[in-house]
Amino acid sequence: MKIIIIFIDLLMATVLFFVGRFFIKSRNTERSVLFLSLGDYTGLNTEKICRVTGKRIKTWAMLFCLGGIIDFIKLGAGIIIVSVFFIILLVFHLVDMTINRDKYRV
């Protein structure tokens, strides 16, 4: 059971890392922003949005790596702690993209 929980942590970290890298290195930023938002994105600096979002997603990946390390010490505690922090950071990201939308204008 211990190896499965650690594997889930590291799998999440790997997936999030590559998604974040995709957003940072994206050449077609308009399509990436369409993936992120359902609303109107005209007039937004799509390169800045992709760069900021990619860095945040890579931060989330580092959290899951930390969760894997914590799971070595106390089984299950790492994935629970990291999942709570992940949800909090995701909500902060969504609030930032909604309230501070003018910060990402061209």
N, C-alpha and C. Protein backbone atom coordinates (compact mmCIF):
# COMPACT_ATOMS: atom_id res chain seq x y z
N MET A 1 0.83 -1.21 0.00
CA MET A 1 0.00 0.00 0.00
C MET A 1 0.87 1.26 0.00
N LYS A 2 1.99 1.20 0.72
CA LYS A 2 2.87 2.36 0.81
C LYS A 2 3.40 2.75 -0.57
N ILE A 3 3.78 1.77 -1.34
CA ILE A 3 4.36 2.05 -2.66
C ILE A 3 3.30 2.64 -3.59
N ILE A 4 2.05 2.25 -3.44
CA ILE A 4 0.98 2.78 -4.31
C ILE A 4 0.75 4.26 -4.02
N ILE A 5 0.71 4.63 -2.75
CA ILE A 5 0.49 6.04 -2.39
C ILE A 5 1.65 6.90 -2.85
N ILE A 6 2.87 6.42 -2.66
CA ILE A 6 4.04 7.17 -3.13
C ILE A 6 4.04 7.26 -4.65
N PHE A 7 3.63 6.18 -5.32
CA PHE A 7 3.55 6.20 -6.78
C PHE A 7 2.52 7.22 -7.26
N ILE A 8 1.39 7.32 -6.58
CA ILE A 8 0.36 8.31 -6.95
C ILE A 8 0.92 9.72 -6.78
N ASP A 9 1.63 9.97 -5.68
CA ASP A 9 2.25 11.29 -5.48
C ASP A 9 3.21 11.62 -6.61
N LEU A 10 4.08 10.70 -6.93
CA LEU A 10 5.09 10.96 -7.96
C LEU A 10 4.48 11.02 -9.35
N LEU A 11 3.41 10.27 -9.59
CA LEU A 11 2.71 10.34 -10.87
C LEU A 11 2.05 11.70 -11.04
N MET A 12 1.40 12.19 -9.99
CA MET A 12 0.79 13.52 -10.05
C MET A 12 1.86 14.59 -10.27
N ALA A 13 2.99 14.45 -9.59
CA ALA A 13 4.08 15.41 -9.75
C ALA A 13 4.58 15.40 -11.19
N THR A 14 4.74 14.24 -11.77
CA THR A 14 5.24 14.14 -13.14
C THR A 14 4.25 14.75 -14.13
N VAL A 15 2.99 14.41 -13.99
CA VAL A 15 1.97 14.94 -14.90
C VAL A 15 1.89 16.46 -14.79
N LEU A 16 1.84 16.97 -13.57
CA LEU A 16 1.76 18.41 -13.38
C LEU A 16 3.01 19.12 -13.90
N PHE A 17 4.18 18.51 -13.70
CA PHE A 17 5.41 19.11 -14.19
C PHE A 17 5.37 19.26 -15.71
N PHE A 18 4.96 18.21 -16.42
CA PHE A 18 4.94 18.27 -17.88
C PHE A 18 3.84 19.19 -18.40
N VAL A 19 2.71 19.27 -17.70
CA VAL A 19 1.66 20.23 -18.10
C VAL A 19 2.16 21.66 -17.90
N GLY A 20 2.82 21.91 -16.78
CA GLY A 20 3.38 23.25 -16.54
C GLY A 20 4.44 23.61 -17.56
N ARG A 21 5.28 22.64 -17.90
CA ARG A 21 6.31 22.87 -18.92
C ARG A 21 5.67 23.16 -20.27
N PHE A 22 4.57 22.44 -20.58
CA PHE A 22 3.85 22.69 -21.83
C PHE A 22 3.36 24.13 -21.89
N PHE A 23 2.80 24.61 -20.79
CA PHE A 23 2.28 25.98 -20.78
C PHE A 23 3.41 27.00 -20.91
N ILE A 24 4.53 26.77 -20.27
CA ILE A 24 5.64 27.72 -20.36
C ILE A 24 6.23 27.74 -21.76
N LYS A 25 6.39 26.57 -22.37
CA LYS A 25 7.03 26.46 -23.69
C LYS A 25 6.05 26.56 -24.85
N SER A 26 4.78 26.78 -24.57
CA SER A 26 3.76 26.79 -25.61
C SER A 26 4.02 27.86 -26.66
N ARG A 27 3.93 27.46 -27.90
CA ARG A 27 4.09 28.42 -29.01
C ARG A 27 2.73 28.96 -29.46
N ASN A 28 1.70 28.17 -29.30
CA ASN A 28 0.36 28.61 -29.66
C ASN A 28 -0.38 28.95 -28.36
N THR A 29 -0.07 30.13 -27.83
CA THR A 29 -0.58 30.50 -26.51
C THR A 29 -2.09 30.73 -26.51
N GLU A 30 -2.66 31.12 -27.63
CA GLU A 30 -4.10 31.36 -27.66
C GLU A 30 -4.86 30.07 -27.39
N ARG A 31 -4.40 28.97 -27.97
CA ARG A 31 -5.06 27.69 -27.76
C ARG A 31 -4.91 27.25 -26.30
N SER A 32 -3.76 27.51 -25.71
CA SER A 32 -3.53 27.15 -24.31
C SER A 32 -4.45 27.94 -23.39
N VAL A 33 -4.64 29.21 -23.69
CA VAL A 33 -5.53 30.04 -22.86
C VAL A 33 -6.97 29.59 -23.05
N LEU A 34 -7.33 29.17 -24.24
CA LEU A 34 -8.67 28.63 -24.45
C LEU A 34 -8.88 27.39 -23.59
N PHE A 35 -7.83 26.61 -23.41
CA PHE A 35 -7.89 25.42 -22.56
C PHE A 35 -8.15 25.82 -21.11
N LEU A 36 -7.65 26.98 -20.70
CA LEU A 36 -7.77 27.42 -19.32
C LEU A 36 -9.09 28.09 -19.01
N SER A 37 -9.61 28.88 -19.93
CA SER A 37 -10.78 29.69 -19.59
C SER A 37 -11.92 29.43 -20.56
N LEU A 38 -13.12 29.55 -20.04
CA LEU A 38 -14.29 29.38 -20.87
C LEU A 38 -14.83 30.72 -21.36
N GLY A 39 -14.41 31.80 -20.72
CA GLY A 39 -14.93 33.11 -21.03
C GLY A 39 -14.19 33.78 -22.18
N ASP A 40 -14.46 35.05 -22.31
CA ASP A 40 -13.84 35.85 -23.35
C ASP A 40 -12.40 36.16 -22.96
N TYR A 41 -11.45 35.88 -23.84
CA TYR A 41 -10.05 36.13 -23.54
C TYR A 41 -9.43 37.14 -24.50
N THR A 42 -10.26 37.89 -25.20
CA THR A 42 -9.73 38.89 -26.11
C THR A 42 -9.08 40.02 -25.30
N GLY A 43 -7.97 40.50 -25.79
CA GLY A 43 -7.26 41.58 -25.14
C GLY A 43 -6.35 41.15 -24.02
N LEU A 44 -6.23 39.85 -23.79
CA LEU A 44 -5.36 39.36 -22.73
C LEU A 44 -3.98 39.03 -23.30
N ASN A 45 -2.96 39.21 -22.49
CA ASN A 45 -1.60 38.86 -22.87
C ASN A 45 -1.43 37.36 -22.66
N THR A 46 -1.64 36.59 -23.71
CA THR A 46 -1.67 35.13 -23.58
C THR A 46 -0.31 34.55 -23.20
N GLU A 47 0.77 35.20 -23.65
CA GLU A 47 2.09 34.69 -23.28
C GLU A 47 2.32 34.82 -21.77
N LYS A 48 1.90 35.94 -21.21
CA LYS A 48 2.06 36.13 -19.77
C LYS A 48 1.20 35.15 -18.99
N ILE A 49 -0.02 34.93 -19.44
CA ILE A 49 -0.91 33.99 -18.76
C ILE A 49 -0.32 32.59 -18.80
N CYS A 50 0.21 32.17 -19.95
CA CYS A 50 0.80 30.83 -20.05
C CYS A 50 2.03 30.71 -19.17
N ARG A 51 2.85 31.75 -19.11
CA ARG A 51 4.06 31.71 -18.28
C ARG A 51 3.70 31.63 -16.79
N VAL A 52 2.77 32.46 -16.36
CA VAL A 52 2.37 32.48 -14.94
C VAL A 52 1.70 31.16 -14.56
N THR A 53 0.79 30.69 -15.41
CA THR A 53 0.09 29.44 -15.13
C THR A 53 1.06 28.26 -15.12
N GLY A 54 1.99 28.23 -16.05
CA GLY A 54 2.97 27.15 -16.10
C GLY A 54 3.83 27.11 -14.86
N LYS A 55 4.25 28.27 -14.38
CA LYS A 55 5.06 28.31 -13.14
C LYS A 55 4.25 27.83 -11.95
N ARG A 56 2.99 28.21 -11.89
CA ARG A 56 2.15 27.76 -10.78
C ARG A 56 1.93 26.25 -10.83
N ILE A 57 1.71 25.71 -12.01
CA ILE A 57 1.49 24.27 -12.13
C ILE A 57 2.77 23.51 -11.75
N LYS A 58 3.93 24.04 -12.12
CA LYS A 58 5.18 23.39 -11.73
C LYS A 58 5.38 23.47 -10.21
N THR A 59 4.89 24.53 -9.58
CA THR A 59 4.94 24.62 -8.11
C THR A 59 4.07 23.53 -7.50
N TRP A 60 2.90 23.31 -8.08
CA TRP A 60 2.04 22.24 -7.59
C TRP A 60 2.72 20.88 -7.74
N ALA A 61 3.48 20.71 -8.81
CA ALA A 61 4.21 19.46 -8.99
C ALA A 61 5.24 19.26 -7.89
N MET A 62 5.92 20.34 -7.52
CA MET A 62 6.90 20.22 -6.43
C MET A 62 6.22 19.86 -5.12
N LEU A 63 4.99 20.34 -4.92
CA LEU A 63 4.24 19.97 -3.71
C LEU A 63 4.02 18.46 -3.65
N PHE A 64 3.67 17.86 -4.79
CA PHE A 64 3.42 16.43 -4.79
C PHE A 64 4.71 15.63 -4.60
N CYS A 65 5.84 16.16 -5.05
CA CYS A 65 7.13 15.52 -4.75
C CYS A 65 7.37 15.55 -3.24
N LEU A 66 7.09 16.66 -2.62
CA LEU A 66 7.22 16.78 -1.17
C LEU A 66 6.27 15.80 -0.46
N GLY A 67 5.08 15.63 -1.02
CA GLY A 67 4.14 14.67 -0.46
C GLY A 67 4.66 13.25 -0.51
N GLY A 68 5.36 12.91 -1.59
CA GLY A 68 5.96 11.59 -1.68
C GLY A 68 7.02 11.37 -0.61
N ILE A 69 7.79 12.42 -0.33
CA ILE A 69 8.82 12.32 0.72
C ILE A 69 8.15 12.17 2.09
N ILE A 70 7.09 12.92 2.34
CA ILE A 70 6.39 12.82 3.62
C ILE A 70 5.77 11.43 3.77
N ASP A 71 5.29 10.85 2.66
CA ASP A 71 4.69 9.52 2.74
C ASP A 71 5.71 8.44 3.10
N PHE A 72 6.99 8.66 2.82
CA PHE A 72 8.00 7.72 3.29
C PHE A 72 8.05 7.69 4.81
N ILE A 73 7.82 8.85 5.42
CA ILE A 73 7.92 8.96 6.88
C ILE A 73 6.61 8.52 7.54
N LYS A 74 5.51 9.09 7.10
CA LYS A 74 4.19 8.77 7.68
C LYS A 74 3.23 8.48 6.53
N LEU A 75 2.86 7.23 6.38
CA LEU A 75 2.04 6.78 5.26
C LEU A 75 0.68 7.48 5.22
N GLY A 76 0.37 8.08 4.09
CA GLY A 76 -0.92 8.72 3.88
C GLY A 76 -0.98 10.18 4.29
N ALA A 77 -0.09 10.60 5.17
CA ALA A 77 -0.12 11.99 5.63
C ALA A 77 0.31 12.93 4.51
N GLY A 78 1.30 12.53 3.74
CA GLY A 78 1.81 13.39 2.68
C GLY A 78 0.78 13.70 1.62
N ILE A 79 0.08 12.68 1.16
CA ILE A 79 -0.90 12.90 0.09
C ILE A 79 -2.08 13.72 0.58
N ILE A 80 -2.45 13.56 1.85
CA ILE A 80 -3.56 14.36 2.40
C ILE A 80 -3.15 15.82 2.55
N ILE A 81 -1.97 16.06 3.12
CA ILE A 81 -1.49 17.43 3.31
C ILE A 81 -1.32 18.13 1.96
N VAL A 82 -0.72 17.44 1.02
CA VAL A 82 -0.48 18.04 -0.30
C VAL A 82 -1.79 18.28 -1.04
N SER A 83 -2.74 17.38 -0.92
CA SER A 83 -4.03 17.58 -1.59
C SER A 83 -4.75 18.81 -1.05
N VAL A 84 -4.67 19.03 0.26
CA VAL A 84 -5.30 20.23 0.85
C VAL A 84 -4.61 21.49 0.33
N PHE A 85 -3.26 21.50 0.36
CA PHE A 85 -2.54 22.67 -0.16
C PHE A 85 -2.79 22.87 -1.65
N PHE A 86 -2.90 21.77 -2.40
CA PHE A 86 -3.18 21.86 -3.84
C PHE A 86 -4.53 22.53 -4.10
N ILE A 87 -5.54 22.12 -3.35
CA ILE A 87 -6.87 22.72 -3.53
C ILE A 87 -6.85 24.20 -3.16
N ILE A 88 -6.15 24.55 -2.07
CA ILE A 88 -6.05 25.96 -1.67
C ILE A 88 -5.34 26.78 -2.74
N LEU A 89 -4.22 26.28 -3.25
CA LEU A 89 -3.48 27.01 -4.29
C LEU A 89 -4.27 27.09 -5.59
N LEU A 90 -5.04 26.05 -5.91
CA LEU A 90 -5.87 26.08 -7.11
C LEU A 90 -6.96 27.15 -6.99
N VAL A 91 -7.56 27.25 -5.82
CA VAL A 91 -8.59 28.28 -5.60
C VAL A 91 -7.96 29.68 -5.70
N PHE A 92 -6.76 29.86 -5.09
CA PHE A 92 -6.07 31.15 -5.21
C PHE A 92 -5.76 31.48 -6.66
N HIS A 93 -5.37 30.48 -7.44
CA HIS A 93 -5.09 30.71 -8.86
C HIS A 93 -6.35 31.14 -9.60
N LEU A 94 -7.45 30.46 -9.34
CA LEU A 94 -8.70 30.81 -10.02
C LEU A 94 -9.19 32.20 -9.62
N VAL A 95 -9.04 32.53 -8.35
CA VAL A 95 -9.43 33.87 -7.88
C VAL A 95 -8.54 34.93 -8.53
N ASP A 96 -7.25 34.67 -8.60
CA ASP A 96 -6.32 35.62 -9.23
C ASP A 96 -6.67 35.83 -10.70
N MET A 97 -6.96 34.77 -11.41
CA MET A 97 -7.28 34.89 -12.83
C MET A 97 -8.62 35.57 -13.05
N THR A 98 -9.50 35.54 -12.06
CA THR A 98 -10.81 36.17 -12.20
C THR A 98 -10.79 37.62 -11.73
N ILE A 99 -10.30 37.86 -10.53
CA ILE A 99 -10.34 39.21 -9.96
C ILE A 99 -9.29 40.12 -10.60
N ASN A 100 -8.09 39.61 -10.77
CA ASN A 100 -6.98 40.42 -11.29
C ASN A 100 -6.82 40.27 -12.81
N ARG A 101 -7.92 40.14 -13.51
CA ARG A 101 -7.87 39.93 -14.95
C ARG A 101 -7.20 41.10 -15.68
N ASP A 102 -7.34 42.31 -15.13
CA ASP A 102 -6.73 43.48 -15.77
C ASP A 102 -5.20 43.41 -15.74
N LYS A 103 -4.65 42.69 -14.77
CA LYS A 103 -3.20 42.55 -14.68
C LYS A 103 -2.64 41.77 -15.89
N TYR A 104 -3.49 40.99 -16.54
CA TYR A 104 -3.04 40.15 -17.66
C TYR A 104 -3.48 40.72 -19.01
N ARG A 105 -3.89 41.97 -19.02
CA ARG A 105 -4.28 42.62 -20.29
C ARG A 105 -3.04 43.07 -21.05
N VAL A 106 -3.23 43.24 -22.36
CA VAL A 106 -2.12 43.70 -23.21
C VAL A 106 -1.87 45.16 -22.98
